[in-house]
Amino acid sequence: DGKPNFEHLLQKFGEAVVPVANCDVREYNSNPKEQLPFKEYLEYWREYIRNGYHSSRGCLYLKDWHLSRSGLIPKTLGLGIAFPEQDVYTTPVYFSSDWLNEYWDAVAVDDFRFVYMGPKG
């Protein structure tokens, strides 16, 4: 049906805190972001679909989530949870020289592996 497996995502990552952008609002040529529990975002997404792809909250889109960041995010409520045990990122063969992440992995400060997801609209 073209929809994500919400139950699987909820089971694996439901306790994570994720960055969510409101695509219906513009601030300084960008969309404002807030931190939400992933389980709350998934419930919003399901409701958005049930309501014919409309919500009074606008169109929210999960943007710039560092899901695979290993040990770089304190496992404290509000600051996110890392999932290093999940094999969620493989560099595509055409970009196998992943020089940005090779450097940032070595210095253990940041990474350039992001998750983007959200409803159509």
PDB file of N, CA and C in Angstrom:
ATOM      1  N   ASP A   1       0.814  -1.208   0.000  1.00  0.00           N
ATOM      2  CA  ASP A   1       0.000   0.000   0.000  1.00  0.00           C
ATOM      3  C   ASP A   1       0.853   1.266   0.000  1.00  0.00           C
ATOM      4  N   GLY A   2       2.167   1.106  -0.054  1.00  0.00           N
ATOM      5  CA  GLY A   2       3.061   2.254  -0.127  1.00  0.00           C
ATOM      6  C   GLY A   2       3.326   2.946   1.198  1.00  0.00           C
ATOM      7  N   LYS A   3       2.786   2.423   2.283  1.00  0.00           N
ATOM      8  CA  LYS A   3       2.989   3.038   3.603  1.00  0.00           C
ATOM      9  C   LYS A   3       4.099   2.297   4.353  1.00  0.00           C
ATOM     10  N   PRO A   4       4.796   2.988   5.226  1.00  0.00           N
ATOM     11  CA  PRO A   4       5.830   2.319   6.034  1.00  0.00           C
ATOM     12  C   PRO A   4       5.202   1.303   6.979  1.00  0.00           C
ATOM     13  N   ASN A   5       6.012   0.406   7.474  1.00  0.00           N
ATOM     14  CA  ASN A   5       5.579  -0.545   8.487  1.00  0.00           C
ATOM     15  C   ASN A   5       5.651   0.171   9.843  1.00  0.00           C
ATOM     16  N   PHE A   6       4.569   0.878  10.167  1.00  0.00           N
ATOM     17  CA  PHE A   6       4.547   1.692  11.379  1.00  0.00           C
ATOM     18  C   PHE A   6       4.812   0.869  12.635  1.00  0.00           C
ATOM     19  N   GLU A   7       4.263  -0.318  12.716  1.00  0.00           N
ATOM     20  CA  GLU A   7       4.445  -1.148  13.914  1.00  0.00           C
ATOM     21  C   GLU A   7       5.911  -1.525  14.108  1.00  0.00           C
ATOM     22  N   HIS A   8       6.575  -1.879  13.024  1.00  0.00           N
ATOM     23  CA  HIS A   8       7.998  -2.225  13.103  1.00  0.00           C
ATOM     24  C   HIS A   8       8.811  -1.013  13.566  1.00  0.00           C
ATOM     25  N   LEU A   9       8.561   0.140  12.959  1.00  0.00           N
ATOM     26  CA  LEU A   9       9.272   1.358  13.342  1.00  0.00           C
ATOM     27  C   LEU A   9       9.024   1.710  14.802  1.00  0.00           C
ATOM     28  N   LEU A  10       7.788   1.581  15.229  1.00  0.00           N
ATOM     29  CA  LEU A  10       7.433   1.878  16.614  1.00  0.00           C
ATOM     30  C   LEU A  10       8.155   0.940  17.578  1.00  0.00           C
ATOM     31  N   GLN A  11       8.188  -0.333  17.236  1.00  0.00           N
ATOM     32  CA  GLN A  11       8.845  -1.325  18.098  1.00  0.00           C
ATOM     33  C   GLN A  11      10.348  -1.085  18.183  1.00  0.00           C
ATOM     34  N   LYS A  12      10.979  -0.778  17.060  1.00  0.00           N
ATOM     35  CA  LYS A  12      12.438  -0.623  17.032  1.00  0.00           C
ATOM     36  C   LYS A  12      12.926   0.726  17.562  1.00  0.00           C
ATOM     37  N   PHE A  13      12.168   1.795  17.274  1.00  0.00           N
ATOM     38  CA  PHE A  13      12.695   3.136  17.527  1.00  0.00           C
ATOM     39  C   PHE A  13      11.736   4.067  18.271  1.00  0.00           C
ATOM     40  N   GLY A  14      10.648   3.530  18.791  1.00  0.00           N
ATOM     41  CA  GLY A  14       9.598   4.338  19.392  1.00  0.00           C
ATOM     42  C   GLY A  14      10.046   5.288  20.484  1.00  0.00           C
ATOM     43  N   GLU A  15      11.092   4.946  21.225  1.00  0.00           N
ATOM     44  CA  GLU A  15      11.533   5.784  22.348  1.00  0.00           C
ATOM     45  C   GLU A  15      12.506   6.894  21.940  1.00  0.00           C
ATOM     46  N   ALA A  16      12.895   6.912  20.694  1.00  0.00           N
ATOM     47  CA  ALA A  16      13.829   7.948  20.230  1.00  0.00           C
ATOM     48  C   ALA A  16      13.160   9.314  20.224  1.00  0.00           C
ATOM     49  N   VAL A  17      13.965  10.346  20.328  1.00  0.00           N
ATOM     50  CA  VAL A  17      13.509  11.727  20.182  1.00  0.00           C
ATOM     51  C   VAL A  17      14.061  12.204  18.844  1.00  0.00           C
ATOM     52  N   VAL A  18      13.166  12.732  17.987  1.00  0.00           N
ATOM     53  CA  VAL A  18      13.544  13.045  16.610  1.00  0.00           C
ATOM     54  C   VAL A  18      13.248  14.496  16.253  1.00  0.00           C
ATOM     55  N   PRO A  19      14.008  15.058  15.310  1.00  0.00           N
ATOM     56  CA  PRO A  19      13.748  16.419  14.832  1.00  0.00           C
ATOM     57  C   PRO A  19      12.639  16.408  13.781  1.00  0.00           C
ATOM     58  N   VAL A  20      11.642  17.240  13.978  1.00  0.00           N
ATOM     59  CA  VAL A  20      10.488  17.281  13.076  1.00  0.00           C
ATOM     60  C   VAL A  20      10.278  18.715  12.605  1.00  0.00           C
ATOM     61  N   ALA A  21      10.185  18.887  11.285  1.00  0.00           N
ATOM     62  CA  ALA A  21       9.973  20.200  10.683  1.00  0.00           C
ATOM     63  C   ALA A  21       8.507  20.373  10.318  1.00  0.00           C
ATOM     64  N   ASN A  22       7.996  21.582  10.509  1.00  0.00           N
ATOM     65  CA  ASN A  22       6.635  21.905  10.074  1.00  0.00           C
ATOM     66  C   ASN A  22       6.740  22.538   8.695  1.00  0.00           C
ATOM     67  N   CYS A  23       6.353  21.776   7.665  1.00  0.00           N
ATOM     68  CA  CYS A  23       6.511  22.217   6.274  1.00  0.00           C
ATOM     69  C   CYS A  23       5.538  23.321   5.881  1.00  0.00           C
ATOM     70  N   ASP A  24       4.538  23.590   6.703  1.00  0.00           N
ATOM     71  CA  ASP A  24       3.562  24.632   6.402  1.00  0.00           C
ATOM     72  C   ASP A  24       3.963  26.004   6.948  1.00  0.00           C
ATOM     73  N   VAL A  25       5.080  26.070   7.660  1.00  0.00           N
ATOM     74  CA  VAL A  25       5.526  27.325   8.271  1.00  0.00           C
ATOM     75  C   VAL A  25       6.927  27.651   7.751  1.00  0.00           C
ATOM     76  N   ARG A  26       7.155  28.901   7.412  1.00  0.00           N
ATOM     77  CA  ARG A  26       8.467  29.356   6.955  1.00  0.00           C
ATOM     78  C   ARG A  26       9.021  30.364   7.946  1.00  0.00           C
ATOM     79  N   GLU A  27      10.265  30.162   8.347  1.00  0.00           N
ATOM     80  CA  GLU A  27      10.987  31.111   9.191  1.00  0.00           C
ATOM     81  C   GLU A  27      12.376  31.274   8.612  1.00  0.00           C
ATOM     82  N   TYR A  28      12.699  32.484   8.186  1.00  0.00           N
ATOM     83  CA  TYR A  28      14.023  32.764   7.629  1.00  0.00           C
ATOM     84  C   TYR A  28      14.371  31.787   6.505  1.00  0.00           C
ATOM     85  N   ASN A  29      13.436  31.579   5.591  1.00  0.00           N
ATOM     86  CA  ASN A  29      13.617  30.716   4.426  1.00  0.00           C
ATOM     87  C   ASN A  29      13.864  29.250   4.799  1.00  0.00           C
ATOM     88  N   SER A  30      13.321  28.826   5.924  1.00  0.00           N
ATOM     89  CA  SER A  30      13.449  27.449   6.375  1.00  0.00           C
ATOM     90  C   SER A  30      12.176  27.066   7.123  1.00  0.00           C
ATOM     91  N   ASN A  31      12.081  25.810   7.503  1.00  0.00           N
ATOM     92  CA  ASN A  31      10.941  25.336   8.284  1.00  0.00           C
ATOM     93  C   ASN A  31      11.377  25.147   9.733  1.00  0.00           C
ATOM     94  N   PRO A  32      10.606  25.683  10.690  1.00  0.00           N
ATOM     95  CA  PRO A  32      10.987  25.501  12.095  1.00  0.00           C
ATOM     96  C   PRO A  32      10.906  24.032  12.487  1.00  0.00           C
ATOM     97  N   LYS A  33      11.822  23.618  13.366  1.00  0.00           N
ATOM     98  CA  LYS A  33      11.847  22.232  13.828  1.00  0.00           C
ATOM     99  C   LYS A  33      11.616  22.176  15.328  1.00  0.00           C
ATOM    100  N   GLU A  34      11.063  21.049  15.739  1.00  0.00           N
ATOM    101  CA  GLU A  34      10.898  20.753  17.161  1.00  0.00           C
ATOM    102  C   GLU A  34      11.332  19.322  17.389  1.00  0.00           C
ATOM    103  N   GLN A  35      11.627  18.985  18.625  1.00  0.00           N
ATOM    104  CA  GLN A  35      11.993  17.626  18.999  1.00  0.00           C
ATOM    105  C   GLN A  35      10.742  16.919  19.504  1.00  0.00           C
ATOM    106  N   LEU A  36      10.444  15.750  18.937  1.00  0.00           N
ATOM    107  CA  LEU A  36       9.279  14.963  19.348  1.00  0.00           C
ATOM    108  C   LEU A  36       9.696  13.523  19.609  1.00  0.00           C
ATOM    109  N   PRO A  37       9.017  12.852  20.527  1.00  0.00           N
ATOM    110  CA  PRO A  37       9.218  11.401  20.626  1.00  0.00           C
ATOM    111  C   PRO A  37       8.793  10.756  19.299  1.00  0.00           C
ATOM    112  N   PHE A  38       9.590   9.821  18.803  1.00  0.00           N
ATOM    113  CA  PHE A  38       9.290   9.189  17.523  1.00  0.00           C
ATOM    114  C   PHE A  38       7.909   8.546  17.542  1.00  0.00           C
ATOM    115  N   LYS A  39       7.521   7.948  18.676  1.00  0.00           N
ATOM    116  CA  LYS A  39       6.196   7.317  18.749  1.00  0.00           C
ATOM    117  C   LYS A  39       5.086   8.362  18.560  1.00  0.00           C
ATOM    118  N   GLU A  40       5.286   9.574  19.053  1.00  0.00           N
ATOM    119  CA  GLU A  40       4.305  10.642  18.854  1.00  0.00           C
ATOM    120  C   GLU A  40       4.257  11.066  17.390  1.00  0.00           C
ATOM    121  N   TYR A  41       5.424  11.117  16.755  1.00  0.00           N
ATOM    122  CA  TYR A  41       5.461  11.471  15.341  1.00  0.00           C
ATOM    123  C   TYR A  41       4.744  10.414  14.498  1.00  0.00           C
ATOM    124  N   LEU A  42       4.961   9.135  14.798  1.00  0.00           N
ATOM    125  CA  LEU A  42       4.285   8.071  14.047  1.00  0.00           C
ATOM    126  C   LEU A  42       2.772   8.137  14.226  1.00  0.00           C
ATOM    127  N   GLU A  43       2.314   8.459  15.428  1.00  0.00           N
ATOM    128  CA  GLU A  43       0.871   8.597  15.653  1.00  0.00           C
ATOM    129  C   GLU A  43       0.326   9.770  14.843  1.00  0.00           C
ATOM    130  N   TYR A  44       1.059  10.877  14.804  1.00  0.00           N
ATOM    131  CA  TYR A  44       0.660  12.013  13.969  1.00  0.00           C
ATOM    132  C   TYR A  44       0.533  11.558  12.510  1.00  0.00           C
ATOM    133  N   TRP A  45       1.520  10.831  12.017  1.00  0.00           N
ATOM    134  CA  TRP A  45       1.555  10.407  10.617  1.00  0.00           C
ATOM    135  C   TRP A  45       0.363   9.510  10.285  1.00  0.00           C
ATOM    136  N   ARG A  46       0.068   8.578  11.161  1.00  0.00           N
ATOM    137  CA  ARG A  46      -1.098   7.705  10.946  1.00  0.00           C
ATOM    138  C   ARG A  46      -2.397   8.510  10.914  1.00  0.00           C
ATOM    139  N   GLU A  47      -2.523   9.446  11.835  1.00  0.00           N
ATOM    140  CA  GLU A  47      -3.719  10.298  11.883  1.00  0.00           C
ATOM    141  C   GLU A  47      -3.800  11.166  10.633  1.00  0.00           C
ATOM    142  N   TYR A  48      -2.674  11.670  10.183  1.00  0.00           N
ATOM    143  CA  TYR A  48      -2.615  12.487   8.973  1.00  0.00           C
ATOM    144  C   TYR A  48      -3.169  11.700   7.780  1.00  0.00           C
ATOM    145  N   ILE A  49      -2.794  10.446   7.672  1.00  0.00           N
ATOM    146  CA  ILE A  49      -3.297   9.586   6.590  1.00  0.00           C
ATOM    147  C   ILE A  49      -4.792   9.345   6.752  1.00  0.00           C
ATOM    148  N   ARG A  50      -5.224   9.004   7.971  1.00  0.00           N
ATOM    149  CA  ARG A  50      -6.654   8.744   8.226  1.00  0.00           C
ATOM    150  C   ARG A  50      -7.516   9.955   7.897  1.00  0.00           C
ATOM    151  N   ASN A  51      -6.963  11.156   8.071  1.00  0.00           N
ATOM    152  CA  ASN A  51      -7.712  12.394   7.818  1.00  0.00           C
ATOM    153  C   ASN A  51      -7.545  12.894   6.390  1.00  0.00           C
ATOM    154  N   GLY A  52      -7.213  12.009   5.473  1.00  0.00           N
ATOM    155  CA  GLY A  52      -7.095  12.410   4.070  1.00  0.00           C
ATOM    156  C   GLY A  52      -5.906  13.305   3.796  1.00  0.00           C
ATOM    157  N   TYR A  53      -4.818  13.083   4.505  1.00  0.00           N
ATOM    158  CA  TYR A  53      -3.585  13.847   4.354  1.00  0.00           C
ATOM    159  C   TYR A  53      -3.771  15.319   4.719  1.00  0.00           C
ATOM    160  N   HIS A  54      -4.437  15.514   5.850  1.00  0.00           N
ATOM    161  CA  HIS A  54      -4.627  16.848   6.427  1.00  0.00           C
ATOM    162  C   HIS A  54      -4.503  16.749   7.942  1.00  0.00           C
ATOM    163  N   SER A  55      -4.036  17.837   8.554  1.00  0.00           N
ATOM    164  CA  SER A  55      -3.947  17.902  10.009  1.00  0.00           C
ATOM    165  C   SER A  55      -3.959  19.361  10.433  1.00  0.00           C
ATOM    166  N   SER A  56      -4.546  19.629  11.577  1.00  0.00           N
ATOM    167  CA  SER A  56      -4.522  20.986  12.114  1.00  0.00           C
ATOM    168  C   SER A  56      -3.097  21.392  12.511  1.00  0.00           C
ATOM    169  N   ARG A  57      -2.206  20.403  12.665  1.00  0.00           N
ATOM    170  CA  ARG A  57      -0.816  20.680  13.014  1.00  0.00           C
ATOM    171  C   ARG A  57       0.024  21.011  11.780  1.00  0.00           C
ATOM    172  N   GLY A  58      -0.562  20.877  10.606  1.00  0.00           N
ATOM    173  CA  GLY A  58       0.189  21.098   9.371  1.00  0.00           C
ATOM    174  C   GLY A  58       0.839  19.807   8.908  1.00  0.00           C
ATOM    175  N   CYS A  59       1.696  19.935   7.908  1.00  0.00           N
ATOM    176  CA  CYS A  59       2.420  18.789   7.384  1.00  0.00           C
ATOM    177  C   CYS A  59       3.772  18.721   8.088  1.00  0.00           C
ATOM    178  N   LEU A  60       3.918  17.752   8.968  1.00  0.00           N
ATOM    179  CA  LEU A  60       5.163  17.577   9.716  1.00  0.00           C
ATOM    180  C   LEU A  60       6.033  16.547   9.014  1.00  0.00           C
ATOM    181  N   TYR A  61       7.324  16.810   8.970  1.00  0.00           N
ATOM    182  CA  TYR A  61       8.253  15.942   8.267  1.00  0.00           C
ATOM    183  C   TYR A  61       9.475  15.691   9.139  1.00  0.00           C
ATOM    184  N   LEU A  62       9.805  14.434   9.351  1.00  0.00           N
ATOM    185  CA  LEU A  62      10.986  14.079  10.134  1.00  0.00           C
ATOM    186  C   LEU A  62      12.214  14.379   9.272  1.00  0.00           C
ATOM    187  N   LYS A  63      13.119  15.196   9.799  1.00  0.00           N
ATOM    188  CA  LYS A  63      14.229  15.705   8.988  1.00  0.00           C
ATOM    189  C   LYS A  63      15.524  15.744   9.798  1.00  0.00           C
ATOM    190  N   ASP A  64      16.576  15.206   9.230  1.00  0.00           N
ATOM    191  CA  ASP A  64      17.928  15.268   9.810  1.00  0.00           C
ATOM    192  C   ASP A  64      18.101  14.428  11.075  1.00  0.00           C
ATOM    193  N   TRP A  65      17.444  13.280  11.137  1.00  0.00           N
ATOM    194  CA  TRP A  65      17.602  12.379  12.284  1.00  0.00           C
ATOM    195  C   TRP A  65      18.882  11.581  12.096  1.00  0.00           C
ATOM    196  N   HIS A  66      19.792  11.641  13.067  1.00  0.00           N
ATOM    197  CA  HIS A  66      21.042  10.886  13.064  1.00  0.00           C
ATOM    198  C   HIS A  66      20.803   9.517  13.698  1.00  0.00           C
ATOM    199  N   LEU A  67      20.030   8.687  13.059  1.00  0.00           N
ATOM    200  CA  LEU A  67      19.652   7.388  13.615  1.00  0.00           C
ATOM    201  C   LEU A  67      20.845   6.496  13.896  1.00  0.00           C
ATOM    202  N   SER A  68      21.801   6.461  12.998  1.00  0.00           N
ATOM    203  CA  SER A  68      22.899   5.500  13.156  1.00  0.00           C
ATOM    204  C   SER A  68      24.081   6.043  13.947  1.00  0.00           C
ATOM    205  N   ARG A  69      23.980   7.257  14.431  1.00  0.00           N
ATOM    206  CA  ARG A  69      25.101   7.834  15.182  1.00  0.00           C
ATOM    207  C   ARG A  69      25.394   6.957  16.395  1.00  0.00           C
ATOM    208  N   SER A  70      26.580   6.481  16.478  1.00  0.00           N
ATOM    209  CA  SER A  70      26.947   5.516  17.512  1.00  0.00           C
ATOM    210  C   SER A  70      27.650   6.189  18.678  1.00  0.00           C
ATOM    211  N   GLY A  71      26.997   6.201  19.827  1.00  0.00           N
ATOM    212  CA  GLY A  71      27.632   6.705  21.032  1.00  0.00           C
ATOM    213  C   GLY A  71      27.866   8.202  21.049  1.00  0.00           C
ATOM    214  N   LEU A  72      27.321   8.936  20.098  1.00  0.00           N
ATOM    215  CA  LEU A  72      27.565  10.367  20.046  1.00  0.00           C
ATOM    216  C   LEU A  72      26.456  11.176  20.684  1.00  0.00           C
ATOM    217  N   ILE A  73      25.303  10.544  20.909  1.00  0.00           N
ATOM    218  CA  ILE A  73      24.176  11.249  21.507  1.00  0.00           C
ATOM    219  C   ILE A  73      23.963  10.680  22.911  1.00  0.00           C
ATOM    220  N   PRO A  74      23.990  11.526  23.932  1.00  0.00           N
ATOM    221  CA  PRO A  74      23.723  11.015  25.276  1.00  0.00           C
ATOM    222  C   PRO A  74      22.356  10.347  25.331  1.00  0.00           C
ATOM    223  N   LYS A  75      22.287   9.219  25.991  1.00  0.00           N
ATOM    224  CA  LYS A  75      21.017   8.497  26.084  1.00  0.00           C
ATOM    225  C   LYS A  75      20.197   9.083  27.228  1.00  0.00           C
ATOM    226  N   THR A  76      19.842  10.341  27.074  1.00  0.00           N
ATOM    227  CA  THR A  76      19.082  11.085  28.064  1.00  0.00           C
ATOM    228  C   THR A  76      17.815  11.596  27.415  1.00  0.00           C
ATOM    229  N   LEU A  77      16.695  11.516  28.121  1.00  0.00           N
ATOM    230  CA  LEU A  77      15.435  11.990  27.575  1.00  0.00           C
ATOM    231  C   LEU A  77      15.591  13.423  27.085  1.00  0.00           C
ATOM    232  N   GLY A  78      15.114  13.679  25.896  1.00  0.00           N
ATOM    233  CA  GLY A  78      15.183  15.010  25.332  1.00  0.00           C
ATOM    234  C   GLY A  78      16.403  15.238  24.456  1.00  0.00           C
ATOM    235  N   LEU A  79      17.418  14.399  24.603  1.00  0.00           N
ATOM    236  CA  LEU A  79      18.619  14.560  23.790  1.00  0.00           C
ATOM    237  C   LEU A  79      18.756  13.460  22.752  1.00  0.00           C
ATOM    238  N   GLY A  80      17.872  12.499  22.779  1.00  0.00           N
ATOM    239  CA  GLY A  80      17.892  11.467  21.756  1.00  0.00           C
ATOM    240  C   GLY A  80      18.514  10.172  22.225  1.00  0.00           C
ATOM    241  N   ILE A  81      18.344   9.163  21.415  1.00  0.00           N
ATOM    242  CA  ILE A  81      18.889   7.847  21.689  1.00  0.00           C
ATOM    243  C   ILE A  81      19.562   7.374  20.414  1.00  0.00           C
ATOM    244  N   ALA A  82      20.782   6.887  20.524  1.00  0.00           N
ATOM    245  CA  ALA A  82      21.475   6.335  19.365  1.00  0.00           C
ATOM    246  C   ALA A  82      21.139   4.860  19.239  1.00  0.00           C
ATOM    247  N   PHE A  83      21.180   4.358  18.030  1.00  0.00           N
ATOM    248  CA  PHE A  83      20.887   2.952  17.762  1.00  0.00           C
ATOM    249  C   PHE A  83      22.049   2.323  17.012  1.00  0.00           C
ATOM    250  N   PRO A  84      23.229   2.253  17.641  1.00  0.00           N
ATOM    251  CA  PRO A  84      24.401   1.724  16.927  1.00  0.00           C
ATOM    252  C   PRO A  84      24.256   0.247  16.568  1.00  0.00           C
ATOM    253  N   GLU A  85      23.430  -0.494  17.281  1.00  0.00           N
ATOM    254  CA  GLU A  85      23.284  -1.926  17.005  1.00  0.00           C
ATOM    255  C   GLU A  85      22.433  -2.199  15.771  1.00  0.00           C
ATOM    256  N   GLN A  86      21.744  -1.187  15.286  1.00  0.00           N
ATOM    257  CA  GLN A  86      20.918  -1.342  14.091  1.00  0.00           C
ATOM    258  C   GLN A  86      21.767  -1.043  12.861  1.00  0.00           C
ATOM    259  N   ASP A  87      21.775  -1.954  11.906  1.00  0.00           N
ATOM    260  CA  ASP A  87      22.513  -1.742  10.672  1.00  0.00           C
ATOM    261  C   ASP A  87      21.597  -0.996   9.712  1.00  0.00           C
ATOM    262  N   VAL A  88      21.555   0.323   9.841  1.00  0.00           N
ATOM    263  CA  VAL A  88      20.592   1.113   9.077  1.00  0.00           C
ATOM    264  C   VAL A  88      21.226   1.932   7.957  1.00  0.00           C
ATOM    265  N   TYR A  89      22.548   1.917   7.860  1.00  0.00           N
ATOM    266  CA  TYR A  89      23.184   2.765   6.871  1.00  0.00           C
ATOM    267  C   TYR A  89      24.292   2.001   6.157  1.00  0.00           C
ATOM    268  N   THR A  90      24.233   2.004   4.841  1.00  0.00           N
ATOM    269  CA  THR A  90      25.295   1.489   3.992  1.00  0.00           C
ATOM    270  C   THR A  90      25.540   2.532   2.907  1.00  0.00           C
ATOM    271  N   THR A  91      26.789   2.902   2.736  1.00  0.00           N
ATOM    272  CA  THR A  91      27.106   3.878   1.709  1.00  0.00           C
ATOM    273  C   THR A  91      26.852   3.257   0.338  1.00  0.00           C
ATOM    274  N   PRO A  92      26.057   3.919  -0.509  1.00  0.00           N
ATOM    275  CA  PRO A  92      25.832   3.398  -1.861  1.00  0.00           C
ATOM    276  C   PRO A  92      27.154   3.233  -2.607  1.00  0.00           C
ATOM    277  N   VAL A  93      27.262   2.205  -3.427  1.00  0.00           N
ATOM    278  CA  VAL A  93      28.503   1.876  -4.119  1.00  0.00           C
ATOM    279  C   VAL A  93      29.054   3.065  -4.899  1.00  0.00           C
ATOM    280  N   TYR A  94      28.189   3.876  -5.485  1.00  0.00           N
ATOM    281  CA  TYR A  94      28.649   5.019  -6.268  1.00  0.00           C
ATOM    282  C   TYR A  94      29.291   6.108  -5.417  1.00  0.00           C
ATOM    283  N   PHE A  95      29.061   6.040  -4.117  1.00  0.00           N
ATOM    284  CA  PHE A  95      29.644   7.012  -3.191  1.00  0.00           C
ATOM    285  C   PHE A  95      30.536   6.302  -2.171  1.00  0.00           C
ATOM    286  N   SER A  96      31.139   5.197  -2.577  1.00  0.00           N
ATOM    287  CA  SER A  96      31.872   4.356  -1.625  1.00  0.00           C
ATOM    288  C   SER A  96      33.050   5.076  -0.982  1.00  0.00           C
ATOM    289  N   SER A  97      33.547   6.106  -1.597  1.00  0.00           N
ATOM    290  CA  SER A  97      34.557   6.926  -0.943  1.00  0.00           C
ATOM    291  C   SER A  97      33.807   7.947  -0.095  1.00  0.00           C
ATOM    292  N   ASP A  98      33.378   7.519   1.056  1.00  0.00           N
ATOM    293  CA  ASP A  98      32.551   8.343   1.953  1.00  0.00           C
ATOM    294  C   ASP A  98      33.457   9.206   2.823  1.00  0.00           C
ATOM    295  N   TRP A  99      34.177  10.133   2.186  1.00  0.00           N
ATOM    296  CA  TRP A  99      35.206  10.891   2.878  1.00  0.00           C
ATOM    297  C   TRP A  99      34.662  11.771   3.986  1.00  0.00           C
ATOM    298  N   LEU A 100      33.444  12.268   3.865  1.00  0.00           N
ATOM    299  CA  LEU A 100      32.895  13.082   4.960  1.00  0.00           C
ATOM    300  C   LEU A 100      32.734  12.241   6.229  1.00  0.00           C
ATOM    301  N   ASN A 101      32.107  11.071   6.086  1.00  0.00           N
ATOM    302  CA  ASN A 101      31.905  10.239   7.271  1.00  0.00           C
ATOM    303  C   ASN A 101      33.186   9.561   7.747  1.00  0.00           C
ATOM    304  N   GLU A 102      34.111   9.287   6.850  1.00  0.00           N
ATOM    305  CA  GLU A 102      35.392   8.720   7.285  1.00  0.00           C
ATOM    306  C   GLU A 102      36.070   9.678   8.265  1.00  0.00           C
ATOM    307  N   TYR A 103      36.057  10.961   7.939  1.00  0.00           N
ATOM    308  CA  TYR A 103      36.668  11.952   8.831  1.00  0.00           C
ATOM    309  C   TYR A 103      35.889  12.069  10.139  1.00  0.00           C
ATOM    310  N   TRP A 104      34.575  12.286  10.048  1.00  0.00           N
ATOM    311  CA  TRP A 104      33.787  12.530  11.254  1.00  0.00           C
ATOM    312  C   TRP A 104      33.712  11.297  12.147  1.00  0.00           C
ATOM    313  N   ASP A 105      33.733  10.106  11.564  1.00  0.00           N
ATOM    314  CA  ASP A 105      33.787   8.892  12.385  1.00  0.00           C
ATOM    315  C   ASP A 105      35.104   8.829  13.157  1.00  0.00           C
ATOM    316  N   ALA A 106      36.189   9.251  12.524  1.00  0.00           N
ATOM    317  CA  ALA A 106      37.506   9.203  13.163  1.00  0.00           C
ATOM    318  C   ALA A 106      37.603  10.162  14.347  1.00  0.00           C
ATOM    319  N   VAL A 107      36.998  11.332  14.234  1.00  0.00           N
ATOM    320  CA  VAL A 107      37.085  12.307  15.328  1.00  0.00           C
ATOM    321  C   VAL A 107      35.915  12.189  16.303  1.00  0.00           C
ATOM    322  N   ALA A 108      34.936  11.334  15.977  1.00  0.00           N
ATOM    323  CA  ALA A 108      33.790  11.042  16.859  1.00  0.00           C
ATOM    324  C   ALA A 108      33.052  12.292  17.322  1.00  0.00           C
ATOM    325  N   VAL A 109      32.807  13.211  16.385  1.00  0.00           N
ATOM    326  CA  VAL A 109      32.114  14.448  16.723  1.00  0.00           C
ATOM    327  C   VAL A 109      30.743  14.527  16.073  1.00  0.00           C
ATOM    328  N   ASP A 110      30.646  14.118  14.817  1.00  0.00           N
ATOM    329  CA  ASP A 110      29.402  14.272  14.075  1.00  0.00           C
ATOM    330  C   ASP A 110      29.364  13.230  12.972  1.00  0.00           C
ATOM    331  N   ASP A 111      28.335  13.269  12.168  1.00  0.00           N
ATOM    332  CA  ASP A 111      28.264  12.414  10.992  1.00  0.00           C
ATOM    333  C   ASP A 111      27.320  13.046   9.988  1.00  0.00           C
ATOM    334  N   PHE A 112      27.354  12.519   8.785  1.00  0.00           N
ATOM    335  CA  PHE A 112      26.477  13.004   7.725  1.00  0.00           C
ATOM    336  C   PHE A 112      25.589  11.877   7.221  1.00  0.00           C
ATOM    337  N   ARG A 113      24.965  11.159   8.155  1.00  0.00           N
ATOM    338  CA  ARG A 113      24.019  10.103   7.856  1.00  0.00           C
ATOM    339  C   ARG A 113      22.683  10.524   8.473  1.00  0.00           C
ATOM    340  N   PHE A 114      21.720  10.810   7.618  1.00  0.00           N
ATOM    341  CA  PHE A 114      20.448  11.341   8.100  1.00  0.00           C
ATOM    342  C   PHE A 114      19.290  10.483   7.638  1.00  0.00           C
ATOM    343  N   VAL A 115      18.221  10.515   8.428  1.00  0.00           N
ATOM    344  CA  VAL A 115      16.966   9.889   8.035  1.00  0.00           C
ATOM    345  C   VAL A 115      15.975  11.012   7.768  1.00  0.00           C
ATOM    346  N   TYR A 116      15.253  10.881   6.655  1.00  0.00           N
ATOM    347  CA  TYR A 116      14.163  11.794   6.311  1.00  0.00           C
ATOM    348  C   TYR A 116      12.947  10.930   6.064  1.00  0.00           C
ATOM    349  N   MET A 117      11.813  11.285   6.633  1.00  0.00           N
ATOM    350  CA  MET A 117      10.580  10.548   6.342  1.00  0.00           C
ATOM    351  C   MET A 117       9.379  11.381   6.717  1.00  0.00           C
ATOM    352  N   GLY A 118       8.285  11.087   6.050  1.00  0.00           N
ATOM    353  CA  GLY A 118       7.054  11.795   6.355  1.00  0.00           C
ATOM    354  C   GLY A 118       5.975  11.500   5.340  1.00  0.00           C
ATOM    355  N   PRO A 119       4.802  12.016   5.598  1.00  0.00           N
ATOM    356  CA  PRO A 119       3.665  11.763   4.702  1.00  0.00           C
ATOM    357  C   PRO A 119       3.770  12.581   3.423  1.00  0.00           C
ATOM    358  N   LYS A 120       3.039  12.136   2.429  1.00  0.00           N
ATOM    359  CA  LYS A 120       2.993  12.933   1.208  1.00  0.00           C
ATOM    360  C   LYS A 120       2.262  14.238   1.501  1.00  0.00           C
ATOM    361  N   GLY A 121       2.547  15.215   0.700  1.00  0.00           N
ATOM    362  CA  GLY A 121       1.887  16.504   0.880  1.00  0.00           C
ATOM    363  C   GLY A 121       2.863  17.542   1.231  1.00  0.00           C
TER     364      GLY A 121
END
